[in-house]
Amino acid sequence: LTEVEMGMFVHKMVGSWFDHPFWRSKFLIEDADRLRT
């Protein structure tokens, strides 16, 4: 998580579904709020 940066495309979350901070599991990181979350 410390290596995640703006502009990366998240393909999958690694960990428990209940620790998943987003409903969608695939998305492009385009805003600071999403990156911080």
PDB file of all heavy atoms in Angstrom:
ATOM      1  N   LEU A   1       0.817  -1.203   0.000  1.00  0.00           N
ATOM      2  CA  LEU A   1       0.000   0.000   0.000  1.00  0.00           C
ATOM      3  C   LEU A   1       0.857   1.262   0.000  1.00  0.00           C
ATOM      4  O   LEU A   1       0.461   2.291  -0.565  1.00  0.00           O
ATOM      5  CB  LEU A   1      -0.926   0.002   1.216  1.00  0.00           C
ATOM      6  CG  LEU A   1      -1.978  -1.114   1.266  1.00  0.00           C
ATOM      7  CD1 LEU A   1      -2.847  -0.948   2.503  1.00  0.00           C
ATOM      8  CD2 LEU A   1      -2.836  -1.125   0.012  1.00  0.00           C
ATOM      9  N   THR A   2       2.042   1.184   0.598  1.00  0.00           N
ATOM     10  CA  THR A   2       2.930   2.353   0.632  1.00  0.00           C
ATOM     11  C   THR A   2       3.500   2.686  -0.741  1.00  0.00           C
ATOM     12  O   THR A   2       4.014   3.784  -0.944  1.00  0.00           O
ATOM     13  CB  THR A   2       4.090   2.103   1.609  1.00  0.00           C
ATOM     14  OG1 THR A   2       4.735   0.867   1.279  1.00  0.00           O
ATOM     15  CG2 THR A   2       3.591   2.040   3.045  1.00  0.00           C
ATOM     16  N   GLU A   3       3.421   1.747  -1.679  1.00  0.00           N
ATOM     17  CA  GLU A   3       3.959   1.966  -3.022  1.00  0.00           C
ATOM     18  C   GLU A   3       2.889   2.425  -4.012  1.00  0.00           C
ATOM     19  O   GLU A   3       3.193   2.751  -5.153  1.00  0.00           O
ATOM     20  CB  GLU A   3       4.595   0.675  -3.539  1.00  0.00           C
ATOM     21  CG  GLU A   3       5.772   0.177  -2.715  1.00  0.00           C
ATOM     22  CD  GLU A   3       6.324  -1.135  -3.237  1.00  0.00           C
ATOM     23  OE1 GLU A   3       5.625  -2.165  -3.113  1.00  0.00           O
ATOM     24  OE2 GLU A   3       7.446  -1.130  -3.774  1.00  0.00           O
ATOM     25  N   VAL A   4       1.638   2.440  -3.568  1.00  0.00           N
ATOM     26  CA  VAL A   4       0.549   2.840  -4.464  1.00  0.00           C
ATOM     27  C   VAL A   4       0.626   4.330  -4.745  1.00  0.00           C
ATOM     28  O   VAL A   4       0.840   5.145  -3.837  1.00  0.00           O
ATOM     29  CB  VAL A   4      -0.811   2.490  -3.834  1.00  0.00           C
ATOM     30  CG1 VAL A   4      -1.943   2.959  -4.735  1.00  0.00           C
ATOM     31  CG2 VAL A   4      -0.914   0.993  -3.603  1.00  0.00           C
ATOM     32  N   GLU A   5       0.473   4.691  -6.033  1.00  0.00           N
ATOM     33  CA  GLU A   5       0.575   6.086  -6.426  1.00  0.00           C
ATOM     34  C   GLU A   5      -0.559   6.459  -7.371  1.00  0.00           C
ATOM     35  O   GLU A   5      -1.259   5.588  -7.913  1.00  0.00           O
ATOM     36  CB  GLU A   5       1.918   6.335  -7.135  1.00  0.00           C
ATOM     37  CG  GLU A   5       3.148   6.097  -6.272  1.00  0.00           C
ATOM     38  CD  GLU A   5       4.436   6.348  -7.053  1.00  0.00           C
ATOM     39  OE1 GLU A   5       4.339   6.802  -8.214  1.00  0.00           O
ATOM     40  OE2 GLU A   5       5.522   6.100  -6.503  1.00  0.00           O
ATOM     41  N   MET A   6      -0.721   7.766  -7.568  1.00  0.00           N
ATOM     42  CA  MET A   6      -1.686   8.281  -8.537  1.00  0.00           C
ATOM     43  C   MET A   6      -1.351   7.745  -9.919  1.00  0.00           C
ATOM     44  O   MET A   6      -0.180   7.647 -10.286  1.00  0.00           O
ATOM     45  CB  MET A   6      -1.642   9.808  -8.552  1.00  0.00           C
ATOM     46  CG  MET A   6      -2.072  10.455  -7.248  1.00  0.00           C
ATOM     47  SD  MET A   6      -3.860  10.505  -7.046  1.00  0.00           S
ATOM     48  CE  MET A   6      -4.283  11.833  -8.156  1.00  0.00           C
ATOM     49  N   GLY A   7      -2.368   7.396 -10.688  1.00  0.00           N
ATOM     50  CA  GLY A   7      -2.177   6.926 -12.047  1.00  0.00           C
ATOM     51  C   GLY A   7      -2.058   5.422 -12.164  1.00  0.00           C
ATOM     52  O   GLY A   7      -2.026   4.895 -13.277  1.00  0.00           O
ATOM     53  N   MET A   8      -1.967   4.707 -11.029  1.00  0.00           N
ATOM     54  CA  MET A   8      -1.924   3.242 -11.079  1.00  0.00           C
ATOM     55  C   MET A   8      -3.324   2.678 -11.308  1.00  0.00           C
ATOM     56  O   MET A   8      -4.313   3.260 -10.854  1.00  0.00           O
ATOM     57  CB  MET A   8      -1.341   2.673  -9.782  1.00  0.00           C
ATOM     58  CG  MET A   8       0.150   2.895  -9.611  1.00  0.00           C
ATOM     59  SD  MET A   8       0.770   2.079  -8.112  1.00  0.00           S
ATOM     60  CE  MET A   8       2.545   2.336  -8.308  1.00  0.00           C
ATOM     61  N   PHE A   9      -3.378   1.553 -11.995  1.00  0.00           N
ATOM     62  CA  PHE A   9      -4.664   0.870 -12.210  1.00  0.00           C
ATOM     63  C   PHE A   9      -4.731  -0.326 -11.269  1.00  0.00           C
ATOM     64  O   PHE A   9      -3.942  -1.265 -11.372  1.00  0.00           O
ATOM     65  CB  PHE A   9      -4.822   0.398 -13.653  1.00  0.00           C
ATOM     66  CG  PHE A   9      -6.182  -0.177 -13.937  1.00  0.00           C
ATOM     67  CD1 PHE A   9      -7.225   0.645 -14.364  1.00  0.00           C
ATOM     68  CD2 PHE A   9      -6.448  -1.532 -13.756  1.00  0.00           C
ATOM     69  CE1 PHE A   9      -8.481   0.129 -14.605  1.00  0.00           C
ATOM     70  CE2 PHE A   9      -7.707  -2.059 -14.001  1.00  0.00           C
ATOM     71  CZ  PHE A   9      -8.731  -1.217 -14.434  1.00  0.00           C
ATOM     72  N   VAL A  10      -5.661  -0.276 -10.328  1.00  0.00           N
ATOM     73  CA  VAL A  10      -5.832  -1.363  -9.363  1.00  0.00           C
ATOM     74  C   VAL A  10      -6.622  -2.491 -10.025  1.00  0.00           C
ATOM     75  O   VAL A  10      -7.765  -2.299 -10.449  1.00  0.00           O
ATOM     76  CB  VAL A  10      -6.557  -0.876  -8.098  1.00  0.00           C
ATOM     77  CG1 VAL A  10      -6.805  -2.038  -7.145  1.00  0.00           C
ATOM     78  CG2 VAL A  10      -5.737   0.206  -7.405  1.00  0.00           C
ATOM     79  N   HIS A  11      -6.004  -3.657 -10.103  1.00  0.00           N
ATOM     80  CA  HIS A  11      -6.641  -4.832 -10.706  1.00  0.00           C
ATOM     81  C   HIS A  11      -7.359  -5.686  -9.670  1.00  0.00           C
ATOM     82  O   HIS A  11      -8.406  -6.266  -9.941  1.00  0.00           O
ATOM     83  CB  HIS A  11      -5.581  -5.684 -11.421  1.00  0.00           C
ATOM     84  CG  HIS A  11      -6.119  -6.961 -11.998  1.00  0.00           C
ATOM     85  ND1 HIS A  11      -6.838  -7.011 -13.175  1.00  0.00           N
ATOM     86  CD2 HIS A  11      -6.041  -8.257 -11.548  1.00  0.00           C
ATOM     87  CE1 HIS A  11      -7.181  -8.264 -13.433  1.00  0.00           C
ATOM     88  NE2 HIS A  11      -6.718  -9.033 -12.460  1.00  0.00           N
ATOM     89  N   LYS A  12      -6.807  -5.734  -8.454  1.00  0.00           N
ATOM     90  CA  LYS A  12      -7.398  -6.579  -7.418  1.00  0.00           C
ATOM     91  C   LYS A  12      -6.887  -6.131  -6.049  1.00  0.00           C
ATOM     92  O   LYS A  12      -5.761  -5.682  -5.908  1.00  0.00           O
ATOM     93  CB  LYS A  12      -7.027  -8.050  -7.648  1.00  0.00           C
ATOM     94  CG  LYS A  12      -7.664  -9.032  -6.691  1.00  0.00           C
ATOM     95  CD  LYS A  12      -7.256 -10.472  -7.024  1.00  0.00           C
ATOM     96  CE  LYS A  12      -7.892 -11.457  -6.067  1.00  0.00           C
ATOM     97  NZ  LYS A  12      -7.482 -12.865  -6.368  1.00  0.00           N
ATOM     98  N   MET A  13      -7.779  -6.288  -5.028  1.00  0.00           N
ATOM     99  CA  MET A  13      -7.381  -6.034  -3.648  1.00  0.00           C
ATOM    100  C   MET A  13      -6.834  -7.324  -3.036  1.00  0.00           C
ATOM    101  O   MET A  13      -7.370  -8.400  -3.283  1.00  0.00           O
ATOM    102  CB  MET A  13      -8.578  -5.562  -2.817  1.00  0.00           C
ATOM    103  CG  MET A  13      -9.313  -4.384  -3.422  1.00  0.00           C
ATOM    104  SD  MET A  13      -8.387  -2.856  -3.273  1.00  0.00           S
ATOM    105  CE  MET A  13      -9.538  -1.713  -4.054  1.00  0.00           C
ATOM    106  N   VAL A  14      -5.806  -7.206  -2.217  1.00  0.00           N
ATOM    107  CA  VAL A  14      -5.226  -8.367  -1.546  1.00  0.00           C
ATOM    108  C   VAL A  14      -5.585  -8.282  -0.062  1.00  0.00           C
ATOM    109  O   VAL A  14      -5.111  -7.398   0.651  1.00  0.00           O
ATOM    110  CB  VAL A  14      -3.692  -8.422  -1.706  1.00  0.00           C
ATOM    111  CG1 VAL A  14      -3.133  -9.654  -1.004  1.00  0.00           C
ATOM    112  CG2 VAL A  14      -3.311  -8.421  -3.182  1.00  0.00           C
ATOM    113  N   GLY A  15      -6.447  -9.182   0.394  1.00  0.00           N
ATOM    114  CA  GLY A  15      -6.891  -9.177   1.786  1.00  0.00           C
ATOM    115  C   GLY A  15      -8.357  -9.518   1.892  1.00  0.00           C
ATOM    116  O   GLY A  15      -9.015  -9.863   0.906  1.00  0.00           O
ATOM    117  N   SER A  16      -8.893  -9.415   3.109  1.00  0.00           N
ATOM    118  CA  SER A  16     -10.285  -9.751   3.372  1.00  0.00           C
ATOM    119  C   SER A  16     -11.224  -8.786   2.665  1.00  0.00           C
ATOM    120  O   SER A  16     -10.957  -7.594   2.574  1.00  0.00           O
ATOM    121  CB  SER A  16     -10.553  -9.727   4.879  1.00  0.00           C
ATOM    122  OG  SER A  16     -11.937  -9.774   5.142  1.00  0.00           O
ATOM    123  N   TRP A  17     -12.357  -9.297   2.195  1.00  0.00           N
ATOM    124  CA  TRP A  17     -13.369  -8.460   1.551  1.00  0.00           C
ATOM    125  C   TRP A  17     -13.853  -7.360   2.493  1.00  0.00           C
ATOM    126  O   TRP A  17     -14.138  -6.246   2.093  1.00  0.00           O
ATOM    127  CB  TRP A  17     -14.544  -9.324   1.111  1.00  0.00           C
ATOM    128  CG  TRP A  17     -15.615  -8.542   0.423  1.00  0.00           C
ATOM    129  CD1 TRP A  17     -16.703  -7.944   0.981  1.00  0.00           C
ATOM    130  CD2 TRP A  17     -15.691  -8.241  -0.976  1.00  0.00           C
ATOM    131  NE1 TRP A  17     -17.450  -7.298   0.033  1.00  0.00           N
ATOM    132  CE2 TRP A  17     -16.854  -7.467  -1.178  1.00  0.00           C
ATOM    133  CE3 TRP A  17     -14.878  -8.546  -2.064  1.00  0.00           C
ATOM    134  CZ2 TRP A  17     -17.228  -7.014  -2.432  1.00  0.00           C
ATOM    135  CZ3 TRP A  17     -15.260  -8.089  -3.315  1.00  0.00           C
ATOM    136  CH2 TRP A  17     -16.412  -7.346  -3.491  1.00  0.00           C
ATOM    137  N   PHE A  18     -13.923  -7.660   3.796  1.00  0.00           N
ATOM    138  CA  PHE A  18     -14.444  -6.683   4.741  1.00  0.00           C
ATOM    139  C   PHE A  18     -13.441  -5.595   5.069  1.00  0.00           C
ATOM    140  O   PHE A  18     -13.759  -4.637   5.748  1.00  0.00           O
ATOM    141  CB  PHE A  18     -14.926  -7.379   6.016  1.00  0.00           C
ATOM    142  CG  PHE A  18     -16.219  -8.096   5.797  1.00  0.00           C
ATOM    143  CD1 PHE A  18     -16.240  -9.449   5.552  1.00  0.00           C
ATOM    144  CD2 PHE A  18     -17.416  -7.397   5.793  1.00  0.00           C
ATOM    145  CE1 PHE A  18     -17.429 -10.101   5.323  1.00  0.00           C
ATOM    146  CE2 PHE A  18     -18.616  -8.035   5.567  1.00  0.00           C
ATOM    147  CZ  PHE A  18     -18.630  -9.406   5.331  1.00  0.00           C
ATOM    148  N   ASP A  19     -12.198  -5.737   4.597  1.00  0.00           N
ATOM    149  CA  ASP A  19     -11.222  -4.661   4.699  1.00  0.00           C
ATOM    150  C   ASP A  19     -11.112  -3.901   3.379  1.00  0.00           C
ATOM    151  O   ASP A  19     -10.312  -2.988   3.260  1.00  0.00           O
ATOM    152  CB  ASP A  19      -9.843  -5.227   5.076  1.00  0.00           C
ATOM    153  CG  ASP A  19      -9.827  -5.788   6.480  1.00  0.00           C
ATOM    154  OD1 ASP A  19     -10.507  -5.213   7.347  1.00  0.00           O
ATOM    155  OD2 ASP A  19      -9.159  -6.809   6.694  1.00  0.00           O
ATOM    156  N   HIS A  20     -11.904  -4.297   2.403  1.00  0.00           N
ATOM    157  CA  HIS A  20     -11.927  -3.706   1.075  1.00  0.00           C
ATOM    158  C   HIS A  20     -12.547  -2.306   1.179  1.00  0.00           C
ATOM    159  O   HIS A  20     -13.696  -2.168   1.553  1.00  0.00           O
ATOM    160  CB  HIS A  20     -12.787  -4.620   0.183  1.00  0.00           C
ATOM    161  CG  HIS A  20     -12.790  -4.256  -1.268  1.00  0.00           C
ATOM    162  ND1 HIS A  20     -12.898  -2.955  -1.729  1.00  0.00           N
ATOM    163  CD2 HIS A  20     -12.732  -5.043  -2.364  1.00  0.00           C
ATOM    164  CE1 HIS A  20     -12.906  -2.971  -3.053  1.00  0.00           C
ATOM    165  NE2 HIS A  20     -12.804  -4.212  -3.460  1.00  0.00           N
ATOM    166  N   PRO A  21     -11.800  -1.231   0.888  1.00  0.00           N
ATOM    167  CA  PRO A  21     -12.322   0.118   1.092  1.00  0.00           C
ATOM    168  C   PRO A  21     -13.234   0.613  -0.014  1.00  0.00           C
ATOM    169  O   PRO A  21     -13.783   1.702   0.089  1.00  0.00           O
ATOM    170  CB  PRO A  21     -11.043   0.961   1.160  1.00  0.00           C
ATOM    171  CG  PRO A  21     -10.081   0.233   0.286  1.00  0.00           C
ATOM    172  CD  PRO A  21     -10.392  -1.235   0.458  1.00  0.00           C
ATOM    173  N   PHE A  22     -13.386  -0.145  -1.096  1.00  0.00           N
ATOM    174  CA  PHE A  22     -14.214   0.294  -2.215  1.00  0.00           C
ATOM    175  C   PHE A  22     -15.137  -0.841  -2.648  1.00  0.00           C
ATOM    176  O   PHE A  22     -14.838  -2.016  -2.468  1.00  0.00           O
ATOM    177  CB  PHE A  22     -13.348   0.706  -3.420  1.00  0.00           C
ATOM    178  CG  PHE A  22     -12.338   1.766  -3.097  1.00  0.00           C
ATOM    179  CD1 PHE A  22     -10.995   1.448  -2.986  1.00  0.00           C
ATOM    180  CD2 PHE A  22     -12.730   3.072  -2.895  1.00  0.00           C
ATOM    181  CE1 PHE A  22     -10.061   2.404  -2.685  1.00  0.00           C
ATOM    182  CE2 PHE A  22     -11.799   4.047  -2.588  1.00  0.00           C
ATOM    183  CZ  PHE A  22     -10.461   3.712  -2.481  1.00  0.00           C
ATOM    184  N   TRP A  23     -16.287  -0.435  -3.213  1.00  0.00           N
ATOM    185  CA  TRP A  23     -17.191  -1.455  -3.746  1.00  0.00           C
ATOM    186  C   TRP A  23     -16.604  -2.077  -5.010  1.00  0.00           C
ATOM    187  O   TRP A  23     -16.680  -3.264  -5.242  1.00  0.00           O
ATOM    188  CB  TRP A  23     -18.554  -0.833  -4.047  1.00  0.00           C
ATOM    189  CG  TRP A  23     -19.522  -1.804  -4.621  1.00  0.00           C
ATOM    190  CD1 TRP A  23     -19.963  -1.885  -5.897  1.00  0.00           C
ATOM    191  CD2 TRP A  23     -20.151  -2.878  -3.934  1.00  0.00           C
ATOM    192  NE1 TRP A  23     -20.827  -2.922  -6.047  1.00  0.00           N
ATOM    193  CE2 TRP A  23     -20.965  -3.550  -4.857  1.00  0.00           C
ATOM    194  CE3 TRP A  23     -20.105  -3.347  -2.620  1.00  0.00           C
ATOM    195  CZ2 TRP A  23     -21.723  -4.654  -4.507  1.00  0.00           C
ATOM    196  CZ3 TRP A  23     -20.871  -4.453  -2.290  1.00  0.00           C
ATOM    197  CH2 TRP A  23     -21.667  -5.072  -3.223  1.00  0.00           C
ATOM    198  N   ARG A  24     -15.974  -1.250  -5.884  1.00  0.00           N
ATOM    199  CA  ARG A  24     -15.383  -1.764  -7.111  1.00  0.00           C
ATOM    200  C   ARG A  24     -13.965  -2.241  -6.804  1.00  0.00           C
ATOM    201  O   ARG A  24     -13.224  -1.604  -6.068  1.00  0.00           O
ATOM    202  CB  ARG A  24     -15.348  -0.665  -8.175  1.00  0.00           C
ATOM    203  CG  ARG A  24     -16.705  -0.130  -8.548  1.00  0.00           C
ATOM    204  CD  ARG A  24     -16.596   1.073  -9.447  1.00  0.00           C
ATOM    205  NE  ARG A  24     -15.968   0.752 -10.715  1.00  0.00           N
ATOM    206  CZ  ARG A  24     -15.688   1.667 -11.644  1.00  0.00           C
ATOM    207  NH1 ARG A  24     -15.940   2.924 -11.421  1.00  0.00           N
ATOM    208  NH2 ARG A  24     -15.121   1.301 -12.780  1.00  0.00           N
ATOM    209  N   SER A  25     -13.579  -3.341  -7.394  1.00  0.00           N
ATOM    210  CA  SER A  25     -12.239  -3.883  -7.140  1.00  0.00           C
ATOM    211  C   SER A  25     -11.250  -3.504  -8.241  1.00  0.00           C
ATOM    212  O   SER A  25     -10.050  -3.709  -8.092  1.00  0.00           O
ATOM    213  CB  SER A  25     -12.313  -5.409  -7.030  1.00  0.00           C
ATOM    214  OG  SER A  25     -12.823  -5.973  -8.222  1.00  0.00           O
ATOM    215  N   LYS A  26     -11.714  -2.934  -9.351  1.00  0.00           N
ATOM    216  CA  LYS A  26     -10.837  -2.537 -10.445  1.00  0.00           C
ATOM    217  C   LYS A  26     -11.115  -1.077 -10.788  1.00  0.00           C
ATOM    218  O   LYS A  26     -12.248  -0.716 -11.105  1.00  0.00           O
ATOM    219  CB  LYS A  26     -11.065  -3.417 -11.676  1.00  0.00           C
ATOM    220  CG  LYS A  26     -10.761  -4.899 -11.461  1.00  0.00           C
ATOM    221  CD  LYS A  26     -10.982  -5.701 -12.742  1.00  0.00           C
ATOM    222  CE  LYS A  26     -10.695  -7.176 -12.530  1.00  0.00           C
ATOM    223  NZ  LYS A  26     -10.877  -7.984 -13.755  1.00  0.00           N
ATOM    224  N   PHE A  27     -10.079  -0.240 -10.714  1.00  0.00           N
ATOM    225  CA  PHE A  27     -10.273   1.164 -11.026  1.00  0.00           C
ATOM    226  C   PHE A  27      -8.921   1.851 -11.183  1.00  0.00           C
ATOM    227  O   PHE A  27      -7.893   1.366 -10.705  1.00  0.00           O
ATOM    228  CB  PHE A  27     -11.088   1.872  -9.940  1.00  0.00           C
ATOM    229  CG  PHE A  27     -10.511   1.737  -8.560  1.00  0.00           C
ATOM    230  CD1 PHE A  27      -9.554   2.617  -8.094  1.00  0.00           C
ATOM    231  CD2 PHE A  27     -10.932   0.707  -7.729  1.00  0.00           C
ATOM    232  CE1 PHE A  27      -9.015   2.485  -6.829  1.00  0.00           C
ATOM    233  CE2 PHE A  27     -10.408   0.566  -6.454  1.00  0.00           C
ATOM    234  CZ  PHE A  27      -9.443   1.463  -5.999  1.00  0.00           C
ATOM    235  N   LEU A  28      -8.943   2.989 -11.854  1.00  0.00           N
ATOM    236  CA  LEU A  28      -7.757   3.819 -12.013  1.00  0.00           C
ATOM    237  C   LEU A  28      -7.738   4.841 -10.888  1.00  0.00           C
ATOM    238  O   LEU A  28      -8.745   5.498 -10.615  1.00  0.00           O
ATOM    239  CB  LEU A  28      -7.790   4.534 -13.367  1.00  0.00           C
ATOM    240  CG  LEU A  28      -6.584   5.431 -13.707  1.00  0.00           C
ATOM    241  CD1 LEU A  28      -5.335   4.594 -13.880  1.00  0.00           C
ATOM    242  CD2 LEU A  28      -6.880   6.241 -14.965  1.00  0.00           C
ATOM    243  N   ILE A  29      -6.606   4.968 -10.202  1.00  0.00           N
ATOM    244  CA  ILE A  29      -6.483   5.933  -9.106  1.00  0.00           C
ATOM    245  C   ILE A  29      -6.275   7.318  -9.712  1.00  0.00           C
ATOM    246  O   ILE A  29      -5.205   7.618 -10.244  1.00  0.00           O
ATOM    247  CB  ILE A  29      -5.313   5.576  -8.173  1.00  0.00           C
ATOM    248  CG1 ILE A  29      -5.471   4.154  -7.638  1.00  0.00           C
ATOM    249  CG2 ILE A  29      -5.233   6.568  -7.018  1.00  0.00           C
ATOM    250  CD1 ILE A  29      -4.300   3.685  -6.797  1.00  0.00           C
ATOM    251  N   GLU A  30      -7.340   8.134  -9.618  1.00  0.00           N
ATOM    252  CA  GLU A  30      -7.299   9.438 -10.278  1.00  0.00           C
ATOM    253  C   GLU A  30      -7.453  10.611  -9.309  1.00  0.00           C
ATOM    254  O   GLU A  30      -7.323  11.759  -9.720  1.00  0.00           O
ATOM    255  CB  GLU A  30      -8.397   9.531 -11.336  1.00  0.00           C
ATOM    256  CG  GLU A  30      -8.258   8.500 -12.452  1.00  0.00           C
ATOM    257  CD  GLU A  30      -9.387   8.601 -13.459  1.00  0.00           C
ATOM    258  OE1 GLU A  30     -10.530   8.252 -13.099  1.00  0.00           O
ATOM    259  OE2 GLU A  30      -9.117   9.039 -14.587  1.00  0.00           O
ATOM    260  N   ASP A  31      -7.787  10.349  -8.041  1.00  0.00           N
ATOM    261  CA  ASP A  31      -7.950  11.464  -7.115  1.00  0.00           C
ATOM    262  C   ASP A  31      -7.275  11.158  -5.785  1.00  0.00           C
ATOM    263  O   ASP A  31      -7.089  10.002  -5.404  1.00  0.00           O
ATOM    264  CB  ASP A  31      -9.427  11.802  -6.899  1.00  0.00           C
ATOM    265  CG  ASP A  31     -10.194  10.647  -6.276  1.00  0.00           C
ATOM    266  OD1 ASP A  31     -10.147  10.520  -5.038  1.00  0.00           O
ATOM    267  OD2 ASP A  31     -10.832   9.877  -7.025  1.00  0.00           O
ATOM    268  N   ALA A  32      -6.918  12.219  -5.083  1.00  0.00           N
ATOM    269  CA  ALA A  32      -6.150  12.087  -3.842  1.00  0.00           C
ATOM    270  C   ALA A  32      -6.946  11.395  -2.739  1.00  0.00           C
ATOM    271  O   ALA A  32      -6.380  10.654  -1.928  1.00  0.00           O
ATOM    272  CB  ALA A  32      -5.704  13.472  -3.371  1.00  0.00           C
ATOM    273  N   ASP A  33      -8.265  11.633  -2.681  1.00  0.00           N
ATOM    274  CA  ASP A  33      -9.086  11.014  -1.637  1.00  0.00           C
ATOM    275  C   ASP A  33      -9.080   9.493  -1.767  1.00  0.00           C
ATOM    276  O   ASP A  33      -8.964   8.766  -0.775  1.00  0.00           O
ATOM    277  CB  ASP A  33     -10.522  11.541  -1.717  1.00  0.00           C
ATOM    278  CG  ASP A  33     -10.637  12.970  -1.208  1.00  0.00           C
ATOM    279  OD1 ASP A  33      -9.720  13.404  -0.485  1.00  0.00           O
ATOM    280  OD2 ASP A  33     -11.631  13.637  -1.548  1.00  0.00           O
ATOM    281  N   ARG A  34      -9.210   9.039  -2.996  1.00  0.00           N
ATOM    282  CA  ARG A  34      -9.217   7.586  -3.222  1.00  0.00           C
ATOM    283  C   ARG A  34      -7.856   6.983  -2.869  1.00  0.00           C
ATOM    284  O   ARG A  34      -7.774   5.908  -2.275  1.00  0.00           O
ATOM    285  CB  ARG A  34      -9.581   7.278  -4.672  1.00  0.00           C
ATOM    286  CG  ARG A  34      -9.521   5.810  -5.031  1.00  0.00           C
ATOM    287  CD  ARG A  34     -10.220   5.535  -6.336  1.00  0.00           C
ATOM    288  NE  ARG A  34     -11.665   5.616  -6.185  1.00  0.00           N
ATOM    289  CZ  ARG A  34     -12.531   5.185  -7.101  1.00  0.00           C
ATOM    290  NH1 ARG A  34     -12.099   4.651  -8.230  1.00  0.00           N
ATOM    291  NH2 ARG A  34     -13.820   5.283  -6.899  1.00  0.00           N
ATOM    292  N   LEU A  35      -6.784   7.682  -3.222  1.00  0.00           N
ATOM    293  CA  LEU A  35      -5.435   7.199  -2.901  1.00  0.00           C
ATOM    294  C   LEU A  35      -5.243   7.136  -1.384  1.00  0.00           C
ATOM    295  O   LEU A  35      -4.730   6.137  -0.857  1.00  0.00           O
ATOM    296  CB  LEU A  35      -4.391   8.129  -3.526  1.00  0.00           C
ATOM    297  CG  LEU A  35      -2.916   7.807  -3.201  1.00  0.00           C
ATOM    298  CD1 LEU A  35      -2.539   6.428  -3.718  1.00  0.00           C
ATOM    299  CD2 LEU A  35      -2.006   8.880  -3.798  1.00  0.00           C
ATOM    300  N   ARG A  36      -5.668   8.171  -0.675  1.00  0.00           N
ATOM    301  CA  ARG A  36      -5.519   8.200   0.779  1.00  0.00           C
ATOM    302  C   ARG A  36      -6.350   7.094   1.437  1.00  0.00           C
ATOM    303  O   ARG A  36      -5.878   6.416   2.356  1.00  0.00           O
ATOM    304  CB  ARG A  36      -5.935   9.564   1.326  1.00  0.00           C
ATOM    305  CG  ARG A  36      -5.729   9.698   2.842  1.00  0.00           C
ATOM    306  CD  ARG A  36      -6.040  11.088   3.345  1.00  0.00           C
ATOM    307  NE  ARG A  36      -7.427  11.464   3.089  1.00  0.00           N
ATOM    308  CZ  ARG A  36      -7.805  12.318   2.156  1.00  0.00           C
ATOM    309  NH1 ARG A  36      -6.896  12.890   1.379  1.00  0.00           N
ATOM    310  NH2 ARG A  36      -9.074  12.619   1.977  1.00  0.00           N
ATOM    311  N   THR A  37      -7.579   6.899   0.977  1.00  0.00           N
ATOM    312  CA  THR A  37      -8.438   5.843   1.531  1.00  0.00           C
ATOM    313  C   THR A  37      -7.808   4.477   1.351  1.00  0.00           C
ATOM    314  O   THR A  37      -7.834   3.629   2.253  1.00  0.00           O
ATOM    315  CB  THR A  37      -9.816   5.874   0.851  1.00  0.00           C
ATOM    316  OG1 THR A  37     -10.419   7.150   1.069  1.00  0.00           O
ATOM    317  CG2 THR A  37     -10.729   4.790   1.418  1.00  0.00           C
TER     318      THR A  37
END
